[in-house]
Amino acid sequence: MIDYSPFWSTLNNSPESTYSLIQKYQISSATIDRLRNNKPLTTTTVNDLCRILCCRVEDIMRYIPSEEDQRL
C-alpha cells in the first residue's frame, strides 16, 4: 500500500498549505482528497508535488506491505 503520511509532514514543514496548492498551483481538491485517503496518484502529480515542495519522492509517499494490496 502506498501511504501519503510523509506528504502531510512535508507540507506542514513548508510555507505552502492545501489552500495554496489548490489556489496557486492548481492542484485539484480531488487530488488533496486522494492524498488524505491514500488513493492512487499519477507520477505526474507526484512530480508536481515534489517540484512545488522542493522535496524528494520519499518525502511525499512510502510503500508499506499490506494484505489489502491487490493479488499479483
PDB file of N, CA and C in Angstrom:
ATOM      1  N   MET A   1       0.846  -1.168   0.000  1.00  0.00           N
ATOM      2  CA  MET A   1       0.000   0.000   0.000  1.00  0.00           C
ATOM      3  C   MET A   1       0.893   1.234   0.000  1.00  0.00           C
ATOM      4  N   ILE A   2       0.499   2.213  -0.751  1.00  0.00           N
ATOM      5  CA  ILE A   2       1.201   3.485  -0.756  1.00  0.00           C
ATOM      6  C   ILE A   2       0.574   4.372   0.308  1.00  0.00           C
ATOM      7  N   ASP A   3       1.417   4.909   1.173  1.00  0.00           N
ATOM      8  CA  ASP A   3       0.981   5.754   2.278  1.00  0.00           C
ATOM      9  C   ASP A   3       1.495   7.168   2.042  1.00  0.00           C
ATOM     10  N   TYR A   4       0.613   8.143   2.133  1.00  0.00           N
ATOM     11  CA  TYR A   4       0.994   9.532   1.884  1.00  0.00           C
ATOM     12  C   TYR A   4       1.210  10.341   3.156  1.00  0.00           C
ATOM     13  N   SER A   5       1.358   9.689   4.294  1.00  0.00           N
ATOM     14  CA  SER A   5       1.597  10.447   5.524  1.00  0.00           C
ATOM     15  C   SER A   5       2.869  11.295   5.461  1.00  0.00           C
ATOM     16  N   PRO A   6       3.931  10.869   4.744  1.00  0.00           N
ATOM     17  CA  PRO A   6       5.086  11.770   4.633  1.00  0.00           C
ATOM     18  C   PRO A   6       4.734  13.100   3.952  1.00  0.00           C
ATOM     19  N   PHE A   7       3.775  13.068   3.035  1.00  0.00           N
ATOM     20  CA  PHE A   7       3.350  14.308   2.368  1.00  0.00           C
ATOM     21  C   PHE A   7       2.869  15.329   3.384  1.00  0.00           C
ATOM     22  N   TRP A   8       2.049  14.884   4.346  1.00  0.00           N
ATOM     23  CA  TRP A   8       1.468  15.813   5.316  1.00  0.00           C
ATOM     24  C   TRP A   8       2.549  16.420   6.205  1.00  0.00           C
ATOM     25  N   SER A   9       3.541  15.646   6.575  1.00  0.00           N
ATOM     26  CA  SER A   9       4.662  16.186   7.357  1.00  0.00           C
ATOM     27  C   SER A   9       5.455  17.192   6.536  1.00  0.00           C
ATOM     28  N   THR A  10       5.709  16.830   5.288  1.00  0.00           N
ATOM     29  CA  THR A  10       6.449  17.730   4.395  1.00  0.00           C
ATOM     30  C   THR A  10       5.674  19.024   4.186  1.00  0.00           C
ATOM     31  N   LEU A  11       4.383  18.909   3.956  1.00  0.00           N
ATOM     32  CA  LEU A  11       3.554  20.101   3.763  1.00  0.00           C
ATOM     33  C   LEU A  11       3.553  20.972   5.011  1.00  0.00           C
ATOM     34  N   ASN A  12       3.434  20.366   6.181  1.00  0.00           N
ATOM     35  CA  ASN A  12       3.436  21.133   7.441  1.00  0.00           C
ATOM     36  C   ASN A  12       4.747  21.870   7.666  1.00  0.00           C
ATOM     37  N   ASN A  13       5.835  21.336   7.143  1.00  0.00           N
ATOM     38  CA  ASN A  13       7.155  21.962   7.309  1.00  0.00           C
ATOM     39  C   ASN A  13       7.507  22.916   6.177  1.00  0.00           C
ATOM     40  N   SER A  14       6.574  23.138   5.276  1.00  0.00           N
ATOM     41  CA  SER A  14       6.817  24.037   4.142  1.00  0.00           C
ATOM     42  C   SER A  14       5.985  25.306   4.314  1.00  0.00           C
ATOM     43  N   PRO A  15       6.271  26.321   3.514  1.00  0.00           N
ATOM     44  CA  PRO A  15       5.453  27.539   3.576  1.00  0.00           C
ATOM     45  C   PRO A  15       4.102  27.380   2.867  1.00  0.00           C
ATOM     46  N   GLU A  16       3.891  26.255   2.210  1.00  0.00           N
ATOM     47  CA  GLU A  16       2.656  26.019   1.459  1.00  0.00           C
ATOM     48  C   GLU A  16       1.580  25.410   2.357  1.00  0.00           C
ATOM     49  N   SER A  17       0.361  25.419   1.860  1.00  0.00           N
ATOM     50  CA  SER A  17      -0.778  24.822   2.546  1.00  0.00           C
ATOM     51  C   SER A  17      -1.653  24.149   1.497  1.00  0.00           C
ATOM     52  N   THR A  18      -2.646  23.406   1.941  1.00  0.00           N
ATOM     53  CA  THR A  18      -3.558  22.818   0.957  1.00  0.00           C
ATOM     54  C   THR A  18      -4.241  23.921   0.163  1.00  0.00           C
ATOM     55  N   TYR A  19      -4.535  25.027   0.823  1.00  0.00           N
ATOM     56  CA  TYR A  19      -5.163  26.164   0.132  1.00  0.00           C
ATOM     57  C   TYR A  19      -4.264  26.683  -0.986  1.00  0.00           C
ATOM     58  N   SER A  20      -2.981  26.882  -0.696  1.00  0.00           N
ATOM     59  CA  SER A  20      -2.072  27.393  -1.733  1.00  0.00           C
ATOM     60  C   SER A  20      -1.850  26.365  -2.840  1.00  0.00           C
ATOM     61  N   LEU A  21      -1.836  25.089  -2.486  1.00  0.00           N
ATOM     62  CA  LEU A  21      -1.698  24.068  -3.531  1.00  0.00           C
ATOM     63  C   LEU A  21      -2.861  24.160  -4.516  1.00  0.00           C
ATOM     64  N   ILE A  22      -4.058  24.374  -3.985  1.00  0.00           N
ATOM     65  CA  ILE A  22      -5.242  24.464  -4.834  1.00  0.00           C
ATOM     66  C   ILE A  22      -5.291  25.789  -5.587  1.00  0.00           C
ATOM     67  N   GLN A  23      -5.105  26.893  -4.880  1.00  0.00           N
ATOM     68  CA  GLN A  23      -5.280  28.215  -5.485  1.00  0.00           C
ATOM     69  C   GLN A  23      -4.092  28.663  -6.338  1.00  0.00           C
ATOM     70  N   LYS A  24      -2.893  28.464  -5.832  1.00  0.00           N
ATOM     71  CA  LYS A  24      -1.699  28.970  -6.509  1.00  0.00           C
ATOM     72  C   LYS A  24      -1.165  28.004  -7.565  1.00  0.00           C
ATOM     73  N   TYR A  25      -1.248  26.705  -7.275  1.00  0.00           N
ATOM     74  CA  TYR A  25      -0.627  25.707  -8.147  1.00  0.00           C
ATOM     75  C   TYR A  25      -1.626  24.838  -8.904  1.00  0.00           C
ATOM     76  N   GLN A  26      -2.903  25.107  -8.744  1.00  0.00           N
ATOM     77  CA  GLN A  26      -3.966  24.377  -9.446  1.00  0.00           C
ATOM     78  C   GLN A  26      -3.963  22.866  -9.195  1.00  0.00           C
ATOM     79  N   ILE A  27      -3.537  22.473  -8.001  1.00  0.00           N
ATOM     80  CA  ILE A  27      -3.699  21.072  -7.598  1.00  0.00           C
ATOM     81  C   ILE A  27      -5.172  20.930  -7.217  1.00  0.00           C
ATOM     82  N   SER A  28      -5.848  19.956  -7.768  1.00  0.00           N
ATOM     83  CA  SER A  28      -7.293  19.861  -7.538  1.00  0.00           C
ATOM     84  C   SER A  28      -7.609  19.428  -6.107  1.00  0.00           C
ATOM     85  N   SER A  29      -8.776  19.838  -5.648  1.00  0.00           N
ATOM     86  CA  SER A  29      -9.218  19.412  -4.321  1.00  0.00           C
ATOM     87  C   SER A  29      -9.421  17.892  -4.300  1.00  0.00           C
ATOM     88  N   ALA A  30      -9.741  17.314  -5.453  1.00  0.00           N
ATOM     89  CA  ALA A  30      -9.864  15.858  -5.549  1.00  0.00           C
ATOM     90  C   ALA A  30      -8.511  15.185  -5.291  1.00  0.00           C
ATOM     91  N   THR A  31      -7.432  15.789  -5.757  1.00  0.00           N
ATOM     92  CA  THR A  31      -6.088  15.249  -5.500  1.00  0.00           C
ATOM     93  C   THR A  31      -5.769  15.320  -4.016  1.00  0.00           C
ATOM     94  N   ILE A  32      -6.114  16.427  -3.375  1.00  0.00           N
ATOM     95  CA  ILE A  32      -5.891  16.558  -1.933  1.00  0.00           C
ATOM     96  C   ILE A  32      -6.686  15.469  -1.200  1.00  0.00           C
ATOM     97  N   ASP A  33      -7.898  15.229  -1.642  1.00  0.00           N
ATOM     98  CA  ASP A  33      -8.723  14.177  -1.056  1.00  0.00           C
ATOM     99  C   ASP A  33      -8.088  12.801  -1.266  1.00  0.00           C
ATOM    100  N   ARG A  34      -7.513  12.575  -2.437  1.00  0.00           N
ATOM    101  CA  ARG A  34      -6.842  11.295  -2.720  1.00  0.00           C
ATOM    102  C   ARG A  34      -5.639  11.118  -1.782  1.00  0.00           C
ATOM    103  N   LEU A  35      -4.913  12.183  -1.525  1.00  0.00           N
ATOM    104  CA  LEU A  35      -3.789  12.127  -0.586  1.00  0.00           C
ATOM    105  C   LEU A  35      -4.281  11.797   0.823  1.00  0.00           C
ATOM    106  N   ARG A  36      -5.360  12.421   1.227  1.00  0.00           N
ATOM    107  CA  ARG A  36      -5.917  12.173   2.567  1.00  0.00           C
ATOM    108  C   ARG A  36      -6.334  10.723   2.751  1.00  0.00           C
ATOM    109  N   ASN A  37      -6.805  10.106   1.676  1.00  0.00           N
ATOM    110  CA  ASN A  37      -7.347   8.748   1.757  1.00  0.00           C
ATOM    111  C   ASN A  37      -6.427   7.677   1.173  1.00  0.00           C
ATOM    112  N   ASN A  38      -5.164   8.016   0.938  1.00  0.00           N
ATOM    113  CA  ASN A  38      -4.178   7.069   0.401  1.00  0.00           C
ATOM    114  C   ASN A  38      -4.659   6.384  -0.870  1.00  0.00           C
ATOM    115  N   LYS A  39      -5.268   7.156  -1.739  1.00  0.00           N
ATOM    116  CA  LYS A  39      -5.719   6.648  -3.041  1.00  0.00           C
ATOM    117  C   LYS A  39      -4.607   6.874  -4.066  1.00  0.00           C
ATOM    118  N   PRO A  40      -4.611   6.132  -5.166  1.00  0.00           N
ATOM    119  CA  PRO A  40      -3.543   6.266  -6.165  1.00  0.00           C
ATOM    120  C   PRO A  40      -3.458   7.666  -6.787  1.00  0.00           C
ATOM    121  N   LEU A  41      -2.224   8.082  -7.045  1.00  0.00           N
ATOM    122  CA  LEU A  41      -1.929   9.321  -7.765  1.00  0.00           C
ATOM    123  C   LEU A  41      -1.083   8.978  -8.973  1.00  0.00           C
ATOM    124  N   THR A  42      -1.104   9.836  -9.970  1.00  0.00           N
ATOM    125  CA  THR A  42      -0.226   9.629 -11.119  1.00  0.00           C
ATOM    126  C   THR A  42       1.189  10.078 -10.755  1.00  0.00           C
ATOM    127  N   THR A  43       2.153   9.575 -11.474  1.00  0.00           N
ATOM    128  CA  THR A  43       3.528  10.016 -11.248  1.00  0.00           C
ATOM    129  C   THR A  43       3.697  11.478 -11.635  1.00  0.00           C
ATOM    130  N   THR A  44       2.896  11.959 -12.553  1.00  0.00           N
ATOM    131  CA  THR A  44       2.940  13.382 -12.915  1.00  0.00           C
ATOM    132  C   THR A  44       2.546  14.238 -11.713  1.00  0.00           C
ATOM    133  N   THR A  45       1.525  13.818 -10.991  1.00  0.00           N
ATOM    134  CA  THR A  45       1.093  14.558  -9.803  1.00  0.00           C
ATOM    135  C   THR A  45       2.156  14.507  -8.720  1.00  0.00           C
ATOM    136  N   VAL A  46       2.755  13.348  -8.519  1.00  0.00           N
ATOM    137  CA  VAL A  46       3.835  13.230  -7.531  1.00  0.00           C
ATOM    138  C   VAL A  46       4.998  14.135  -7.933  1.00  0.00           C
ATOM    139  N   ASN A  47       5.321  14.155  -9.206  1.00  0.00           N
ATOM    140  CA  ASN A  47       6.378  15.030  -9.708  1.00  0.00           C
ATOM    141  C   ASN A  47       6.038  16.500  -9.419  1.00  0.00           C
ATOM    142  N   ASP A  48       4.811  16.899  -9.697  1.00  0.00           N
ATOM    143  CA  ASP A  48       4.388  18.282  -9.446  1.00  0.00           C
ATOM    144  C   ASP A  48       4.508  18.632  -7.964  1.00  0.00           C
ATOM    145  N   LEU A  49       4.074  17.740  -7.097  1.00  0.00           N
ATOM    146  CA  LEU A  49       4.165  17.998  -5.660  1.00  0.00           C
ATOM    147  C   LEU A  49       5.619  18.115  -5.206  1.00  0.00           C
ATOM    148  N   CYS A  50       6.480  17.268  -5.744  1.00  0.00           N
ATOM    149  CA  CYS A  50       7.905  17.350  -5.409  1.00  0.00           C
ATOM    150  C   CYS A  50       8.500  18.687  -5.856  1.00  0.00           C
ATOM    151  N   ARG A  51       8.116  19.132  -7.029  1.00  0.00           N
ATOM    152  CA  ARG A  51       8.609  20.423  -7.530  1.00  0.00           C
ATOM    153  C   ARG A  51       8.101  21.577  -6.676  1.00  0.00           C
ATOM    154  N   ILE A  52       6.829  21.555  -6.334  1.00  0.00           N
ATOM    155  CA  ILE A  52       6.235  22.627  -5.537  1.00  0.00           C
ATOM    156  C   ILE A  52       6.857  22.684  -4.145  1.00  0.00           C
ATOM    157  N   LEU A  53       7.023  21.521  -3.537  1.00  0.00           N
ATOM    158  CA  LEU A  53       7.514  21.455  -2.158  1.00  0.00           C
ATOM    159  C   LEU A  53       9.031  21.330  -2.062  1.00  0.00           C
ATOM    160  N   CYS A  54       9.695  21.290  -3.207  1.00  0.00           N
ATOM    161  CA  CYS A  54      11.171  21.159  -3.245  1.00  0.00           C
ATOM    162  C   CYS A  54      11.623  19.980  -2.381  1.00  0.00           C
ATOM    163  N   CYS A  55      11.091  18.822  -2.708  1.00  0.00           N
ATOM    164  CA  CYS A  55      11.397  17.644  -1.905  1.00  0.00           C
ATOM    165  C   CYS A  55      11.595  16.426  -2.797  1.00  0.00           C
ATOM    166  N   ARG A  56      11.898  15.311  -2.174  1.00  0.00           N
ATOM    167  CA  ARG A  56      12.091  14.050  -2.884  1.00  0.00           C
ATOM    168  C   ARG A  56      10.812  13.218  -2.820  1.00  0.00           C
ATOM    169  N   VAL A  57      10.732  12.213  -3.663  1.00  0.00           N
ATOM    170  CA  VAL A  57       9.551  11.340  -3.709  1.00  0.00           C
ATOM    171  C   VAL A  57       9.281  10.738  -2.333  1.00  0.00           C
ATOM    172  N   GLU A  58      10.305  10.316  -1.637  1.00  0.00           N
ATOM    173  CA  GLU A  58      10.107   9.692  -0.326  1.00  0.00           C
ATOM    174  C   GLU A  58       9.610  10.684   0.732  1.00  0.00           C
ATOM    175  N   ASP A  59       9.643  11.974   0.411  1.00  0.00           N
ATOM    176  CA  ASP A  59       9.049  12.979   1.291  1.00  0.00           C
ATOM    177  C   ASP A  59       7.550  13.142   1.038  1.00  0.00           C
ATOM    178  N   ILE A  60       7.062  12.462  -0.005  1.00  0.00           N
ATOM    179  CA  ILE A  60       5.647  12.515  -0.380  1.00  0.00           C
ATOM    180  C   ILE A  60       4.936  11.204  -0.031  1.00  0.00           C
ATOM    181  N   MET A  61       5.618  10.087  -0.269  1.00  0.00           N
ATOM    182  CA  MET A  61       4.956   8.801  -0.077  1.00  0.00           C
ATOM    183  C   MET A  61       5.950   7.722   0.318  1.00  0.00           C
ATOM    184  N   ARG A  62       5.381   6.619   0.831  1.00  0.00           N
ATOM    185  CA  ARG A  62       6.195   5.447   1.170  1.00  0.00           C
ATOM    186  C   ARG A  62       5.364   4.197   0.917  1.00  0.00           C
ATOM    187  N   TYR A  63       6.058   3.112   0.699  1.00  0.00           N
ATOM    188  CA  TYR A  63       5.390   1.826   0.485  1.00  0.00           C
ATOM    189  C   TYR A  63       5.370   1.052   1.793  1.00  0.00           C
ATOM    190  N   ILE A  64       4.185   0.547   2.120  1.00  0.00           N
ATOM    191  CA  ILE A  64       4.015  -0.305   3.300  1.00  0.00           C
ATOM    192  C   ILE A  64       3.368  -1.599   2.831  1.00  0.00           C
ATOM    193  N   PRO A  65       4.042  -2.747   2.970  1.00  0.00           N
ATOM    194  CA  PRO A  65       3.433  -4.011   2.584  1.00  0.00           C
ATOM    195  C   PRO A  65       2.113  -4.207   3.332  1.00  0.00           C
ATOM    196  N   SER A  66       1.127  -4.712   2.606  1.00  0.00           N
ATOM    197  CA  SER A  66      -0.196  -4.862   3.208  1.00  0.00           C
ATOM    198  C   SER A  66      -0.924  -6.060   2.600  1.00  0.00           C
ATOM    199  N   GLU A  67      -1.702  -6.711   3.416  1.00  0.00           N
ATOM    200  CA  GLU A  67      -2.540  -7.809   2.932  1.00  0.00           C
ATOM    201  C   GLU A  67      -3.698  -7.286   2.069  1.00  0.00           C
ATOM    202  N   GLU A  68      -3.943  -5.983   2.141  1.00  0.00           N
ATOM    203  CA  GLU A  68      -5.020  -5.380   1.358  1.00  0.00           C
ATOM    204  C   GLU A  68      -4.600  -5.065  -0.078  1.00  0.00           C
ATOM    205  N   ASP A  69      -3.314  -5.200  -0.379  1.00  0.00           N
ATOM    206  CA  ASP A  69      -2.847  -4.968  -1.746  1.00  0.00           C
ATOM    207  C   ASP A  69      -3.509  -5.961  -2.693  1.00  0.00           C
ATOM    208  N   GLN A  70      -3.647  -5.552  -3.941  1.00  0.00           N
ATOM    209  CA  GLN A  70      -4.228  -6.468  -4.908  1.00  0.00           C
ATOM    210  C   GLN A  70      -3.328  -7.682  -5.091  1.00  0.00           C
ATOM    211  N   ARG A  71      -3.920  -8.765  -5.397  1.00  0.00           N
ATOM    212  CA  ARG A  71      -3.192 -10.017  -5.581  1.00  0.00           C
ATOM    213  C   ARG A  71      -2.417  -9.965  -6.900  1.00  0.00           C
ATOM    214  N   LEU A  72      -1.207 -10.473  -6.883  1.00  0.00           N
ATOM    215  CA  LEU A  72      -0.375 -10.496  -8.089  1.00  0.00           C
ATOM    216  C   LEU A  72      -0.510 -11.807  -8.803  1.00  0.00           C
TER     217      LEU A  72
END
